């Protein structure tokens, strides 16, 4: 009989682990409102897309059309998270006012890529704090779509669509440091 080595369920990666996500959130509603805050930010950002002619991607597709699909996804995320928070007896956070500092098509695309990449890392960092397995599965379905957005925007902006073998989860503070400058009032 061949003995198999004892394999740990913990992956060894080069990613820097986020701080203990459980310490950042008291309950699932707080995690969901955190995600909703980011989705409001992204949905608000994509409202700017109509101001710019974004051209064609490397595959000959209209970037404006794809960015409109991303906007629709972000709006769907906002609507769904708002409903789930309400259904759980929580109070959904409202959208803030934003200033993204976008001045042209290129700065729009670079900011879009940044927001999507931060969003993926935010979901990855907060996922460990989700207690309800159904909510964890739902968050996983959103982060997968966010990762597709990030990959597309990375490709459009000349960055690698798949820059690493593992995502780097970010703590709440790291996400607030990255996204906070865009929020001008709550």
Protein backbone atom coordinates (compact mmCIF):
# COMPACT_ATOMS: atom_id res chain seq x y z
CA UNK A 1 0.00 0.00 0.00
CA UNK A 2 1.36 3.41 -1.01
CA UNK A 3 1.31 6.10 1.63
CA UNK A 4 0.23 9.50 0.46
CA UNK A 5 1.80 12.56 2.01
CA UNK A 6 -0.36 14.57 4.37
CA UNK A 7 -1.41 17.63 2.37
CA UNK A 8 -2.45 20.80 4.10
CA UNK A 9 -5.56 22.62 2.96
CA UNK A 10 -3.69 25.89 3.21
CA UNK A 11 -2.23 27.13 -0.05
CA UNK A 12 1.24 28.57 0.04
CA UNK A 13 1.32 31.71 -2.08
CA UNK A 14 3.34 34.82 -2.58
CA UNK A 15 0.28 36.87 -1.71
CA UNK A 16 0.38 39.05 1.35
CA UNK A 17 -2.55 37.98 3.51
CA UNK A 18 -5.05 40.63 4.52
CA UNK A 19 -5.32 41.37 8.18
CA UNK A 20 -7.76 39.21 10.08
CA UNK A 21 -10.94 40.03 8.15
CA UNK A 22 -13.10 38.93 11.05
CA UNK A 23 -11.71 41.80 13.10
CA UNK A 24 -12.82 44.30 10.43
CA UNK A 25 -16.49 43.22 10.51
CA UNK A 26 -18.92 42.45 13.34
CA UNK A 27 -21.35 40.49 11.15
CA UNK A 28 -22.40 39.59 7.63
CA UNK A 29 -24.41 42.80 7.18
CA UNK A 30 -21.25 44.84 7.76
CA UNK A 31 -19.41 42.78 5.14
CA UNK A 32 -22.28 43.23 2.70
CA UNK A 33 -22.41 47.00 3.31
CA UNK A 34 -18.66 47.15 2.71
CA UNK A 35 -19.18 45.38 -0.62
CA UNK A 36 -22.13 47.66 -1.39
CA UNK A 37 -19.96 50.72 -0.74
CA UNK A 38 -17.50 49.48 -3.35
CA UNK A 39 -20.25 48.58 -5.81
CA UNK A 40 -21.78 52.07 -5.42
CA UNK A 41 -18.33 53.51 -6.15
CA UNK A 42 -17.93 51.41 -9.29
CA UNK A 43 -21.49 52.00 -10.54
CA UNK A 44 -21.01 55.75 -10.03
CA UNK A 45 -17.71 55.65 -11.86
CA UNK A 46 -19.08 53.94 -14.95
CA UNK A 47 -21.68 56.70 -15.34
CA UNK A 48 -18.75 58.77 -16.66
CA UNK A 49 -18.08 56.42 -19.58
CA UNK A 50 -20.56 58.11 -21.90
CA UNK A 51 -18.37 61.25 -21.82
CA UNK A 52 -15.50 59.49 -23.61
CA UNK A 53 -14.89 57.72 -26.89
CA UNK A 54 -12.89 54.75 -25.61
CA UNK A 55 -12.07 53.24 -28.99
CA UNK A 56 -11.64 49.58 -29.80
CA UNK A 57 -10.00 46.89 -27.72
CA UNK A 58 -7.19 44.71 -29.16
CA UNK A 59 -9.86 42.33 -30.48
CA UNK A 60 -11.75 44.96 -32.51
CA UNK A 61 -14.64 45.34 -30.05
CA UNK A 62 -16.06 48.67 -28.95
CA UNK A 63 -14.67 49.41 -25.49
CA UNK A 64 -17.65 51.69 -24.84
CA UNK A 65 -20.03 48.77 -25.41
CA UNK A 66 -18.10 46.52 -23.05
CA UNK A 67 -17.80 49.26 -20.43
CA UNK A 68 -21.57 49.70 -20.65
CA UNK A 69 -21.95 45.99 -19.87
CA UNK A 70 -19.61 46.41 -16.90
CA UNK A 71 -21.74 49.37 -15.72
CA UNK A 72 -24.85 47.20 -15.96
CA UNK A 73 -23.13 44.49 -13.90
CA UNK A 74 -22.18 47.02 -11.21
CA UNK A 75 -25.75 48.35 -11.07
CA UNK A 76 -27.02 44.77 -10.72
CA UNK A 77 -24.53 44.19 -7.89
CA UNK A 78 -25.79 47.35 -6.12
CA UNK A 79 -29.42 46.29 -6.51
CA UNK A 80 -28.78 42.74 -5.33
CA UNK A 81 -26.64 43.69 -2.33
CA UNK A 82 -29.18 46.36 -1.32
CA UNK A 83 -31.98 43.79 -1.44
CA UNK A 84 -30.03 41.14 0.48
CA UNK A 85 -29.04 43.60 3.22
CA UNK A 86 -32.68 44.72 3.51
CA UNK A 87 -33.91 41.11 3.57
CA UNK A 88 -31.48 40.38 6.41
CA UNK A 89 -32.88 43.31 8.43
CA UNK A 90 -29.96 45.63 7.79
CA UNK A 91 -29.80 49.20 6.56
CA UNK A 92 -28.02 49.41 3.18
CA UNK A 93 -25.44 52.17 2.80
CA UNK A 94 -26.25 54.87 0.32
CA UNK A 95 -24.07 55.99 -2.56
CA UNK A 96 -21.68 58.83 -1.80
CA UNK A 97 -20.55 61.68 -4.01
CA UNK A 98 -17.38 60.95 -5.94
CA UNK A 99 -14.59 62.72 -7.76
CA UNK A 100 -12.58 60.29 -9.84
CA UNK A 101 -10.22 62.86 -11.33
CA UNK A 102 -10.83 61.50 -14.83
CA UNK A 103 -9.93 63.93 -17.60
CA UNK A 104 -9.81 61.83 -20.77
CA UNK A 105 -10.36 58.35 -22.19
CA UNK A 106 -6.98 57.06 -21.04
CA UNK A 107 -7.39 58.24 -17.45
CA UNK A 108 -10.90 56.75 -17.47
CA UNK A 109 -9.58 53.34 -18.52
CA UNK A 110 -6.67 53.42 -16.08
CA UNK A 111 -9.00 54.36 -13.21
CA UNK A 112 -11.45 51.64 -14.27
CA UNK A 113 -8.68 49.03 -14.17
CA UNK A 114 -7.56 50.26 -10.75
CA UNK A 115 -11.08 50.17 -9.32
CA UNK A 116 -11.76 46.68 -10.62
CA UNK A 117 -8.45 45.28 -9.38
CA UNK A 118 -8.98 46.83 -5.94
CA UNK A 119 -12.54 45.49 -5.93
CA UNK A 120 -11.36 41.94 -6.53
CA UNK A 121 -8.81 42.20 -3.73
CA UNK A 122 -11.42 43.75 -1.42
CA UNK A 123 -13.82 40.85 -1.93
CA UNK A 124 -10.97 38.40 -1.42
CA UNK A 125 -9.96 40.12 1.80
CA UNK A 126 -13.48 40.37 3.23
CA UNK A 127 -14.62 36.90 2.20
CA UNK A 128 -13.07 35.28 5.24
CA UNK A 129 -15.39 37.30 7.50
CA UNK A 130 -18.60 36.03 5.90
CA UNK A 131 -20.30 33.60 8.25
CA UNK A 132 -23.31 32.47 6.17
CA UNK A 133 -22.20 29.94 3.52
CA UNK A 134 -24.96 31.09 1.14
CA UNK A 135 -23.65 34.65 1.31
CA UNK A 136 -20.11 33.40 0.75
CA UNK A 137 -21.22 31.63 -2.43
CA UNK A 138 -23.01 34.78 -3.62
CA UNK A 139 -19.94 36.92 -2.90
CA UNK A 140 -17.85 34.40 -4.82
CA UNK A 141 -20.13 34.79 -7.82
CA UNK A 142 -19.66 38.57 -7.71
CA UNK A 143 -15.89 38.48 -7.25
CA UNK A 144 -15.58 36.17 -10.26
CA UNK A 145 -17.35 38.75 -12.42
CA UNK A 146 -15.25 41.55 -10.93
CA UNK A 147 -12.13 39.57 -11.83
CA UNK A 148 -13.35 39.30 -15.43
CA UNK A 149 -13.86 43.06 -15.51
CA UNK A 150 -10.36 43.56 -14.14
CA UNK A 151 -8.81 41.16 -16.65
CA UNK A 152 -10.53 42.89 -19.58
CA UNK A 153 -9.56 46.37 -18.41
CA UNK A 154 -6.00 45.22 -17.71
CA UNK A 155 -5.76 43.93 -21.28
CA UNK A 156 -7.22 47.16 -22.69
CA UNK A 157 -4.73 49.28 -20.72
CA UNK A 158 -1.72 47.18 -21.71
CA UNK A 159 -1.37 45.38 -18.38
CA UNK A 160 -1.39 41.64 -17.92
CA UNK A 161 -4.96 40.32 -17.71
CA UNK A 162 -3.68 37.67 -15.30
CA UNK A 163 -0.77 39.27 -13.41
CA UNK A 164 -0.28 36.58 -10.77
CA UNK A 165 -1.15 32.99 -9.95
CA UNK A 166 -2.98 34.17 -6.83
CA UNK A 167 -4.95 37.29 -5.96
CA UNK A 168 -3.72 39.42 -3.10
CA UNK A 169 -6.50 39.99 -0.58
CA UNK A 170 -6.61 43.49 0.85
CA UNK A 171 -7.69 44.53 4.32
CA UNK A 172 -10.48 47.05 4.78
CA UNK A 173 -7.93 49.73 5.59
CA UNK A 174 -5.91 49.01 2.45
CA UNK A 175 -9.07 49.24 0.34
CA UNK A 176 -10.12 52.48 2.03
CA UNK A 177 -6.65 53.89 1.40
CA UNK A 178 -6.99 53.03 -2.32
CA UNK A 179 -10.65 54.00 -2.85
CA UNK A 180 -11.12 56.69 -0.21
CA UNK A 181 -9.62 59.53 -2.25
CA UNK A 182 -12.46 59.14 -4.78
CA UNK A 183 -15.14 59.72 -2.12
CA UNK A 184 -15.82 63.42 -1.54
CA UNK A 185 -18.86 63.12 0.75
CA UNK A 186 -20.94 60.41 2.33
